[in-house]
C-alpha atoms as a PDB file:
ATOM      1  CA  UNK A   1     213.740 178.570 124.074  1.00  0.00           C
ATOM      2  CA  UNK A   2     211.958 175.912 125.858  1.00  0.00           C
ATOM      3  CA  UNK A   3     210.975 172.790 123.700  1.00  0.00           C
ATOM      4  CA  UNK A   4     207.649 172.015 122.409  1.00  0.00           C
ATOM      5  CA  UNK A   5     207.653 169.506 125.301  1.00  0.00           C
ATOM      6  CA  UNK A   6     208.097 171.811 127.991  1.00  0.00           C
ATOM      7  CA  UNK A   7     205.775 173.952 127.018  1.00  0.00           C
ATOM      8  CA  UNK A   8     202.732 171.650 126.943  1.00  0.00           C
ATOM      9  CA  UNK A   9     203.856 170.130 129.857  1.00  0.00           C
ATOM     10  CA  UNK A  10     204.166 173.634 131.791  1.00  0.00           C
ATOM     11  CA  UNK A  11     200.027 174.557 130.674  1.00  0.00           C
ATOM     12  CA  UNK A  12     198.813 171.484 131.515  1.00  0.00           C
ATOM     13  CA  UNK A  13     200.163 171.342 135.062  1.00  0.00           C
ATOM     14  CA  UNK A  14     197.815 174.603 135.978  1.00  0.00           C
ATOM     15  CA  UNK A  15     194.955 173.787 133.082  1.00  0.00           C
ATOM     16  CA  UNK A  16     194.893 170.276 132.407  1.00  0.00           C
ATOM     17  CA  UNK A  17     195.685 167.812 129.502  1.00  0.00           C
ATOM     18  CA  UNK A  18     192.694 168.342 127.419  1.00  0.00           C
ATOM     19  CA  UNK A  19     193.448 169.290 123.789  1.00  0.00           C
ATOM     20  CA  UNK A  20     190.625 170.931 121.833  1.00  0.00           C
ATOM     21  CA  UNK A  21     190.536 169.420 118.300  1.00  0.00           C
ATOM     22  CA  UNK A  22     188.532 172.366 116.981  1.00  0.00           C
ATOM     23  CA  UNK A  23     187.525 170.225 113.935  1.00  0.00           C
ATOM     24  CA  UNK A  24     184.446 171.825 112.432  1.00  0.00           C
ATOM     25  CA  UNK A  25     182.958 170.713 109.248  1.00  0.00           C
ATOM     26  CA  UNK A  26     184.051 173.351 106.588  1.00  0.00           C
ATOM     27  CA  UNK A  27     180.659 173.950 105.451  1.00  0.00           C
ATOM     28  CA  UNK A  28     180.045 175.566 108.862  1.00  0.00           C
ATOM     29  CA  UNK A  29     180.404 179.035 108.410  1.00  0.00           C
ATOM     30  CA  UNK A  30     182.486 182.113 110.083  1.00  0.00           C
ATOM     31  CA  UNK A  31     185.288 179.339 110.976  1.00  0.00           C
ATOM     32  CA  UNK A  32     187.657 181.831 112.159  1.00  0.00           C
ATOM     33  CA  UNK A  33     185.533 183.531 114.567  1.00  0.00           C
ATOM     34  CA  UNK A  34     183.865 180.285 115.864  1.00  0.00           C
ATOM     35  CA  UNK A  35     187.268 179.141 116.973  1.00  0.00           C
ATOM     36  CA  UNK A  36     188.743 182.436 118.260  1.00  0.00           C
ATOM     37  CA  UNK A  37     185.445 182.514 120.418  1.00  0.00           C
ATOM     38  CA  UNK A  38     186.221 178.736 121.437  1.00  0.00           C
ATOM     39  CA  UNK A  39     189.858 179.630 122.327  1.00  0.00           C
ATOM     40  CA  UNK A  40     188.143 183.139 124.488  1.00  0.00           C
ATOM     41  CA  UNK A  41     185.672 180.730 126.264  1.00  0.00           C
ATOM     42  CA  UNK A  42     187.492 177.387 126.946  1.00  0.00           C
ATOM     43  CA  UNK A  43     190.935 178.182 127.416  1.00  0.00           C
ATOM     44  CA  UNK A  44     190.936 177.545 131.349  1.00  0.00           C
ATOM     45  CA  UNK A  45     190.186 173.965 130.345  1.00  0.00           C
ATOM     46  CA  UNK A  46     192.879 173.725 127.614  1.00  0.00           C
ATOM     47  CA  UNK A  47     196.373 173.559 127.758  1.00  0.00           C
ATOM     48  CA  UNK A  48     196.546 173.341 123.483  1.00  0.00           C
ATOM     49  CA  UNK A  49     194.072 173.622 120.188  1.00  0.00           C
ATOM     50  CA  UNK A  50     194.166 171.175 117.418  1.00  0.00           C
ATOM     51  CA  UNK A  51     193.379 172.219 113.789  1.00  0.00           C
ATOM     52  CA  UNK A  52     192.864 169.536 111.023  1.00  0.00           C
ATOM     53  CA  UNK A  53     193.695 169.583 107.646  1.00  0.00           C
ATOM     54  CA  UNK A  54     189.896 170.073 106.325  1.00  0.00           C
ATOM     55  CA  UNK A  55     189.787 173.098 108.510  1.00  0.00           C
ATOM     56  CA  UNK A  56     193.073 174.889 107.563  1.00  0.00           C
ATOM     57  CA  UNK A  57     191.866 174.353 103.734  1.00  0.00           C
ATOM     58  CA  UNK A  58     189.140 177.275 103.910  1.00  0.00           C
ATOM     59  CA  UNK A  59     191.157 179.639 105.848  1.00  0.00           C
ATOM     60  CA  UNK A  60     193.645 182.322 104.746  1.00  0.00           C
ATOM     61  CA  UNK A  61     197.146 182.530 106.412  1.00  0.00           C
ATOM     62  CA  UNK A  62     196.181 185.788 108.492  1.00  0.00           C
ATOM     63  CA  UNK A  63     193.284 183.717 109.587  1.00  0.00           C
ATOM     64  CA  UNK A  64     194.955 181.132 110.801  1.00  0.00           C
ATOM     65  CA  UNK A  65     197.810 183.661 111.939  1.00  0.00           C
ATOM     66  CA  UNK A  66     195.423 185.342 114.476  1.00  0.00           C
ATOM     67  CA  UNK A  67     194.123 182.315 115.926  1.00  0.00           C
ATOM     68  CA  UNK A  68     197.719 180.886 116.735  1.00  0.00           C
ATOM     69  CA  UNK A  69     198.457 184.138 118.291  1.00  0.00           C
ATOM     70  CA  UNK A  70     195.537 184.288 120.154  1.00  0.00           C
ATOM     71  CA  UNK A  71     195.460 181.145 121.724  1.00  0.00           C
ATOM     72  CA  UNK A  72     199.496 182.124 122.510  1.00  0.00           C
ATOM     73  CA  UNK A  73     198.113 184.925 124.359  1.00  0.00           C
ATOM     74  CA  UNK A  74     196.487 182.547 126.824  1.00  0.00           C
ATOM     75  CA  UNK A  75     199.251 180.303 126.879  1.00  0.00           C
ATOM     76  CA  UNK A  76     197.492 177.471 125.095  1.00  0.00           C
ATOM     77  CA  UNK A  77     199.774 175.454 122.391  1.00  0.00           C
ATOM     78  CA  UNK A  78     198.624 174.873 118.851  1.00  0.00           C
ATOM     79  CA  UNK A  79     199.178 171.723 116.747  1.00  0.00           C
ATOM     80  CA  UNK A  80     198.484 171.509 112.862  1.00  0.00           C
ATOM     81  CA  UNK A  81     197.194 167.919 112.328  1.00  0.00           C
ATOM     82  CA  UNK A  82     198.208 167.500 108.843  1.00  0.00           C
ATOM     83  CA  UNK A  83     198.809 163.564 108.966  1.00  0.00           C
ATOM     84  CA  UNK A  84     202.502 165.229 107.341  1.00  0.00           C
ATOM     85  CA  UNK A  85     203.982 162.279 105.212  1.00  0.00           C
ATOM     86  CA  UNK A  86     206.180 162.819 102.254  1.00  0.00           C
ATOM     87  CA  UNK A  87     209.637 163.427 100.932  1.00  0.00           C
ATOM     88  CA  UNK A  88     212.661 165.159 102.626  1.00  0.00           C
ATOM     89  CA  UNK A  89     212.278 168.413 100.917  1.00  0.00           C
ATOM     90  CA  UNK A  90     208.839 168.549 101.061  1.00  0.00           C
ATOM     91  CA  UNK A  91     208.094 167.924 104.416  1.00  0.00           C
ATOM     92  CA  UNK A  92     210.531 170.607 105.267  1.00  0.00           C
ATOM     93  CA  UNK A  93     208.589 173.409 103.015  1.00  0.00           C
ATOM     94  CA  UNK A  94     205.479 172.389 104.834  1.00  0.00           C
ATOM     95  CA  UNK A  95     206.904 172.722 108.093  1.00  0.00           C
ATOM     96  CA  UNK A  96     208.746 175.908 107.487  1.00  0.00           C
ATOM     97  CA  UNK A  97     205.265 177.533 106.387  1.00  0.00           C
ATOM     98  CA  UNK A  98     203.662 175.712 109.267  1.00  0.00           C
ATOM     99  CA  UNK A  99     206.223 177.366 111.559  1.00  0.00           C
ATOM    100  CA  UNK A 100     205.939 181.050 109.763  1.00  0.00           C
ATOM    101  CA  UNK A 101     201.830 180.606 110.402  1.00  0.00           C
ATOM    102  CA  UNK A 102     202.812 180.073 114.003  1.00  0.00           C
ATOM    103  CA  UNK A 103     202.245 176.562 115.315  1.00  0.00           C
ATOM    104  CA  UNK A 104     203.994 174.982 117.767  1.00  0.00           C
ATOM    105  CA  UNK A 105     203.446 171.504 116.505  1.00  0.00           C
ATOM    106  CA  UNK A 106     202.999 169.026 113.740  1.00  0.00           C
ATOM    107  CA  UNK A 107     200.694 165.557 113.761  1.00  0.00           C
ATOM    108  CA  UNK A 108     202.967 163.451 110.957  1.00  0.00           C
ATOM    109  CA  UNK A 109     202.416 159.861 109.644  1.00  0.00           C
ATOM    110  CA  UNK A 110     206.069 157.591 110.112  1.00  0.00           C
ATOM    111  CA  UNK A 111     205.072 155.349 106.932  1.00  0.00           C
ATOM    112  CA  UNK A 112     207.265 157.964 105.373  1.00  0.00           C
ATOM    113  CA  UNK A 113     210.199 156.458 107.001  1.00  0.00           C
ATOM    114  CA  UNK A 114     212.467 156.582 109.796  1.00  0.00           C
ATOM    115  CA  UNK A 115     215.192 158.680 108.122  1.00  0.00           C
ATOM    116  CA  UNK A 116     212.827 160.870 106.768  1.00  0.00           C
ATOM    117  CA  UNK A 117     210.705 161.346 110.248  1.00  0.00           C
ATOM    118  CA  UNK A 118     214.470 161.825 111.597  1.00  0.00           C
ATOM    119  CA  UNK A 119     215.280 164.449 109.571  1.00  0.00           C
ATOM    120  CA  UNK A 120     211.619 165.691 110.147  1.00  0.00           C
ATOM    121  CA  UNK A 121     211.987 165.961 114.328  1.00  0.00           C
ATOM    122  CA  UNK A 122     215.720 167.135 113.763  1.00  0.00           C
ATOM    123  CA  UNK A 123     214.584 170.126 111.555  1.00  0.00           C
ATOM    124  CA  UNK A 124     211.391 171.135 113.862  1.00  0.00           C
ATOM    125  CA  UNK A 125     213.364 171.006 117.373  1.00  0.00           C
ATOM    126  CA  UNK A 126     216.091 173.436 115.752  1.00  0.00           C
ATOM    127  CA  UNK A 127     213.356 175.835 115.325  1.00  0.00           C
ATOM    128  CA  UNK A 128     211.188 174.898 119.005  1.00  0.00           C
ATOM    129  CA  UNK A 129     208.832 172.962 117.632  1.00  0.00           C
ATOM    130  CA  UNK A 130     207.214 169.320 118.011  1.00  0.00           C
ATOM    131  CA  UNK A 131     206.059 166.739 116.126  1.00  0.00           C
ATOM    132  CA  UNK A 132     203.449 164.277 117.076  1.00  0.00           C
ATOM    133  CA  UNK A 133     203.809 160.745 115.137  1.00  0.00           C
ATOM    134  CA  UNK A 134     200.596 158.414 114.434  1.00  0.00           C
ATOM    135  CA  UNK A 135     200.936 155.204 116.126  1.00  0.00           C
ATOM    136  CA  UNK A 136     196.959 153.719 116.229  1.00  0.00           C
ATOM    137  CA  UNK A 137     194.134 155.816 115.437  1.00  0.00           C
ATOM    138  CA  UNK A 138     190.714 155.980 117.387  1.00  0.00           C
ATOM    139  CA  UNK A 139     188.357 154.898 114.464  1.00  0.00           C
ATOM    140  CA  UNK A 140     187.284 151.178 114.420  1.00  0.00           C
ATOM    141  CA  UNK A 141     188.445 149.974 110.829  1.00  0.00           C
ATOM    142  CA  UNK A 142     192.136 151.581 112.087  1.00  0.00           C
ATOM    143  CA  UNK A 143     192.737 147.676 113.438  1.00  0.00           C
ATOM    144  CA  UNK A 144     192.777 146.679 109.219  1.00  0.00           C
ATOM    145  CA  UNK A 145     196.297 148.867 108.916  1.00  0.00           C
ATOM    146  CA  UNK A 146     197.921 149.359 112.524  1.00  0.00           C
ATOM    147  CA  UNK A 147     197.402 145.711 113.816  1.00  0.00           C
ATOM    148  CA  UNK A 148     198.929 144.417 110.453  1.00  0.00           C
ATOM    149  CA  UNK A 149     202.155 142.135 110.986  1.00  0.00           C
ATOM    150  CA  UNK A 150     205.327 143.537 109.386  1.00  0.00           C
ATOM    151  CA  UNK A 151     208.543 142.372 108.906  1.00  0.00           C
ATOM    152  CA  UNK A 152     211.540 144.788 108.985  1.00  0.00           C
ATOM    153  CA  UNK A 153     214.433 143.578 112.097  1.00  0.00           C
ATOM    154  CA  UNK A 154     211.610 141.524 113.373  1.00  0.00           C
ATOM    155  CA  UNK A 155     207.929 140.559 112.895  1.00  0.00           C
ATOM    156  CA  UNK A 156     205.597 142.499 114.917  1.00  0.00           C
ATOM    157  CA  UNK A 157     202.393 144.634 114.290  1.00  0.00           C
ATOM    158  CA  UNK A 158     202.358 148.130 112.459  1.00  0.00           C
ATOM    159  CA  UNK A 159     202.081 150.061 115.375  1.00  0.00           C
ATOM    160  CA  UNK A 160     205.008 148.478 117.428  1.00  0.00           C
ATOM    161  CA  UNK A 161     206.874 149.431 114.548  1.00  0.00           C
ATOM    162  CA  UNK A 162     206.278 153.179 114.852  1.00  0.00           C
ATOM    163  CA  UNK A 163     206.368 153.371 118.482  1.00  0.00           C
ATOM    164  CA  UNK A 164     209.855 151.765 117.780  1.00  0.00           C
ATOM    165  CA  UNK A 165     210.588 154.826 115.257  1.00  0.00           C
ATOM    166  CA  UNK A 166     209.152 157.205 117.342  1.00  0.00           C
ATOM    167  CA  UNK A 167     211.131 156.521 120.363  1.00  0.00           C
ATOM    168  CA  UNK A 168     214.491 156.105 118.045  1.00  0.00           C
ATOM    169  CA  UNK A 169     213.537 159.399 116.044  1.00  0.00           C
ATOM    170  CA  UNK A 170     213.234 161.286 119.120  1.00  0.00           C
ATOM    171  CA  UNK A 171     209.655 162.746 118.573  1.00  0.00           C
ATOM    172  CA  UNK A 172     207.303 164.274 121.335  1.00  0.00           C
ATOM    173  CA  UNK A 173     204.383 162.379 121.227  1.00  0.00           C
ATOM    174  CA  UNK A 174     202.787 159.242 119.916  1.00  0.00           C
ATOM    175  CA  UNK A 175     198.796 159.514 118.887  1.00  0.00           C
ATOM    176  CA  UNK A 176     196.923 156.033 120.075  1.00  0.00           C
ATOM    177  CA  UNK A 177     193.091 156.255 120.055  1.00  0.00           C
ATOM    178  CA  UNK A 178     191.007 156.350 122.897  1.00  0.00           C
ATOM    179  CA  UNK A 179     189.294 153.438 121.994  1.00  0.00           C
ATOM    180  CA  UNK A 180     192.300 151.034 122.330  1.00  0.00           C
ATOM    181  CA  UNK A 181     193.049 151.547 125.845  1.00  0.00           C
ATOM    182  CA  UNK A 182     195.411 148.075 126.085  1.00  0.00           C
ATOM    183  CA  UNK A 183     197.557 149.676 122.866  1.00  0.00           C
ATOM    184  CA  UNK A 184     197.899 152.561 125.398  1.00  0.00           C
ATOM    185  CA  UNK A 185     199.310 150.989 128.436  1.00  0.00           C
ATOM    186  CA  UNK A 186     201.245 148.463 125.867  1.00  0.00           C
ATOM    187  CA  UNK A 187     202.886 152.069 124.708  1.00  0.00           C
ATOM    188  CA  UNK A 188     203.338 153.648 127.886  1.00  0.00           C
ATOM    189  CA  UNK A 189     204.629 150.856 129.657  1.00  0.00           C
ATOM    190  CA  UNK A 190     207.421 150.941 126.421  1.00  0.00           C
ATOM    191  CA  UNK A 191     208.107 154.361 126.159  1.00  0.00           C
ATOM    192  CA  UNK A 192     207.922 155.300 129.984  1.00  0.00           C
ATOM    193  CA  UNK A 193     208.737 159.366 130.030  1.00  0.00           C
ATOM    194  CA  UNK A 194     210.548 159.540 126.220  1.00  0.00           C
ATOM    195  CA  UNK A 195     207.380 160.465 125.033  1.00  0.00           C
ATOM    196  CA  UNK A 196     203.506 161.893 125.466  1.00  0.00           C
ATOM    197  CA  UNK A 197     200.657 159.889 124.547  1.00  0.00           C
ATOM    198  CA  UNK A 198     198.120 161.751 122.559  1.00  0.00           C
ATOM    199  CA  UNK A 199     194.472 159.915 122.685  1.00  0.00           C
ATOM    200  CA  UNK A 200     191.398 161.125 120.655  1.00  0.00           C
ATOM    201  CA  UNK A 201     188.518 159.327 120.442  1.00  0.00           C
ATOM    202  CA  UNK A 202     187.186 160.249 123.931  1.00  0.00           C
ATOM    203  CA  UNK A 203     183.616 160.677 124.157  1.00  0.00           C
ATOM    204  CA  UNK A 204     181.701 160.699 120.537  1.00  0.00           C
ATOM    205  CA  UNK A 205     183.925 157.759 119.440  1.00  0.00           C
ATOM    206  CA  UNK A 206     183.518 155.419 122.794  1.00  0.00           C
ATOM    207  CA  UNK A 207     186.642 156.081 124.687  1.00  0.00           C
ATOM    208  CA  UNK A 208     186.754 156.848 128.472  1.00  0.00           C
ATOM    209  CA  UNK A 209     188.578 159.483 129.753  1.00  0.00           C
ATOM    210  CA  UNK A 210     189.520 157.808 132.636  1.00  0.00           C
ATOM    211  CA  UNK A 211     190.503 154.965 131.785  1.00  0.00           C
ATOM    212  CA  UNK A 212     192.722 155.889 129.294  1.00  0.00           C
ATOM    213  CA  UNK A 213     194.554 158.366 131.645  1.00  0.00           C
ATOM    214  CA  UNK A 214     194.904 155.114 133.889  1.00  0.00           C
ATOM    215  CA  UNK A 215     196.128 152.848 131.194  1.00  0.00           C
ATOM    216  CA  UNK A 216     198.864 155.780 130.349  1.00  0.00           C
ATOM    217  CA  UNK A 217     197.280 158.624 128.122  1.00  0.00           C
ATOM    218  CA  UNK A 218     199.132 161.724 129.085  1.00  0.00           C
ATOM    219  CA  UNK A 219     196.814 164.245 126.610  1.00  0.00           C
ATOM    220  CA  UNK A 220     193.279 164.209 125.496  1.00  0.00           C
ATOM    221  CA  UNK A 221     192.140 165.228 122.260  1.00  0.00           C
ATOM    222  CA  UNK A 222     188.737 165.950 122.337  1.00  0.00           C
ATOM    223  CA  UNK A 223     186.615 167.279 119.565  1.00  0.00           C
ATOM    224  CA  UNK A 224     182.720 166.641 119.063  1.00  0.00           C
ATOM    225  CA  UNK A 225     182.062 165.802 122.490  1.00  0.00           C
ATOM    226  CA  UNK A 226     183.035 169.361 123.413  1.00  0.00           C
ATOM    227  CA  UNK A 227     181.778 171.500 120.042  1.00  0.00           C
ATOM    228  CA  UNK A 228     178.683 169.380 119.553  1.00  0.00           C
ATOM    229  CA  UNK A 229     178.054 169.922 123.533  1.00  0.00           C
ATOM    230  CA  UNK A 230     175.055 172.027 124.837  1.00  0.00           C
ATOM    231  CA  UNK A 231     177.318 173.373 127.657  1.00  0.00           C
ATOM    232  CA  UNK A 232     180.691 173.158 126.470  1.00  0.00           C
ATOM    233  CA  UNK A 233     182.337 174.945 129.283  1.00  0.00           C
ATOM    234  CA  UNK A 234     180.741 172.537 131.547  1.00  0.00           C
ATOM    235  CA  UNK A 235     181.997 169.603 129.805  1.00  0.00           C
ATOM    236  CA  UNK A 236     185.147 170.491 128.923  1.00  0.00           C
ATOM    237  CA  UNK A 237     185.383 171.535 132.788  1.00  0.00           C
ATOM    238  CA  UNK A 238     184.555 167.825 133.822  1.00  0.00           C
ATOM    239  CA  UNK A 239     187.286 166.028 130.985  1.00  0.00           C
ATOM    240  CA  UNK A 240     190.295 168.752 133.047  1.00  0.00           C
ATOM    241  CA  UNK A 241     189.001 167.179 136.388  1.00  0.00           C
ATOM    242  CA  UNK A 242     189.356 163.818 134.524  1.00  0.00           C
ATOM    243  CA  UNK A 243     192.921 164.443 132.847  1.00  0.00           C
ATOM    244  CA  UNK A 244     193.755 165.757 136.583  1.00  0.00           C
ATOM    245  CA  UNK A 245     192.889 162.771 138.060  1.00  0.00           C
ATOM    246  CA  UNK A 246     190.258 164.698 140.500  1.00  0.00           C
END
């Protein structure tokens, strides 16, 4: 079985490097049909679909399985964005259920600790699945926590520690907000090709696609900029071209 990292890379070569953050407000009706409609309409310009915790909760298991199945029919990967962060046994049971629902990868919070993260990655990779960990978020207030100075083996900022752990645990990718291009550049330089950089915050939050791709971002995570557009297909297509450097 191909790894998640390889599967994502392969579809990105033809479809571009845009991941749809299909994160509607739970008050929106018919979440499953809207999500499926987005996949059918936008799939030529996407490599993956990300479903956030608040979108998953109102849906049934069958609805989630159907969404993942249709995404896979179009060659897309699916990511469960639940910021997983718990003890080893809970992480294991949670991911077992996510894999049964058809997800290809999970976004986790490395604050769980390095040993727990290593076990999570080992278990996921054994099942042909991926783990993406938080490194630095896109919201302005993220600086209050991810830029904090911590001392483990040495003094460094929290996002730098999270990058070190991501590399040591051999995760598939890290999340670094598009609103912090200098941090993307730092992570890209240090990580090289060992992991992918996934950047949310393009458009609505102020991130510039071309700028962060130049800084080292591998995948653009885009939600409201596409979902709220008058012509979502046109926006997705333009972002696809940006991601391919065209």
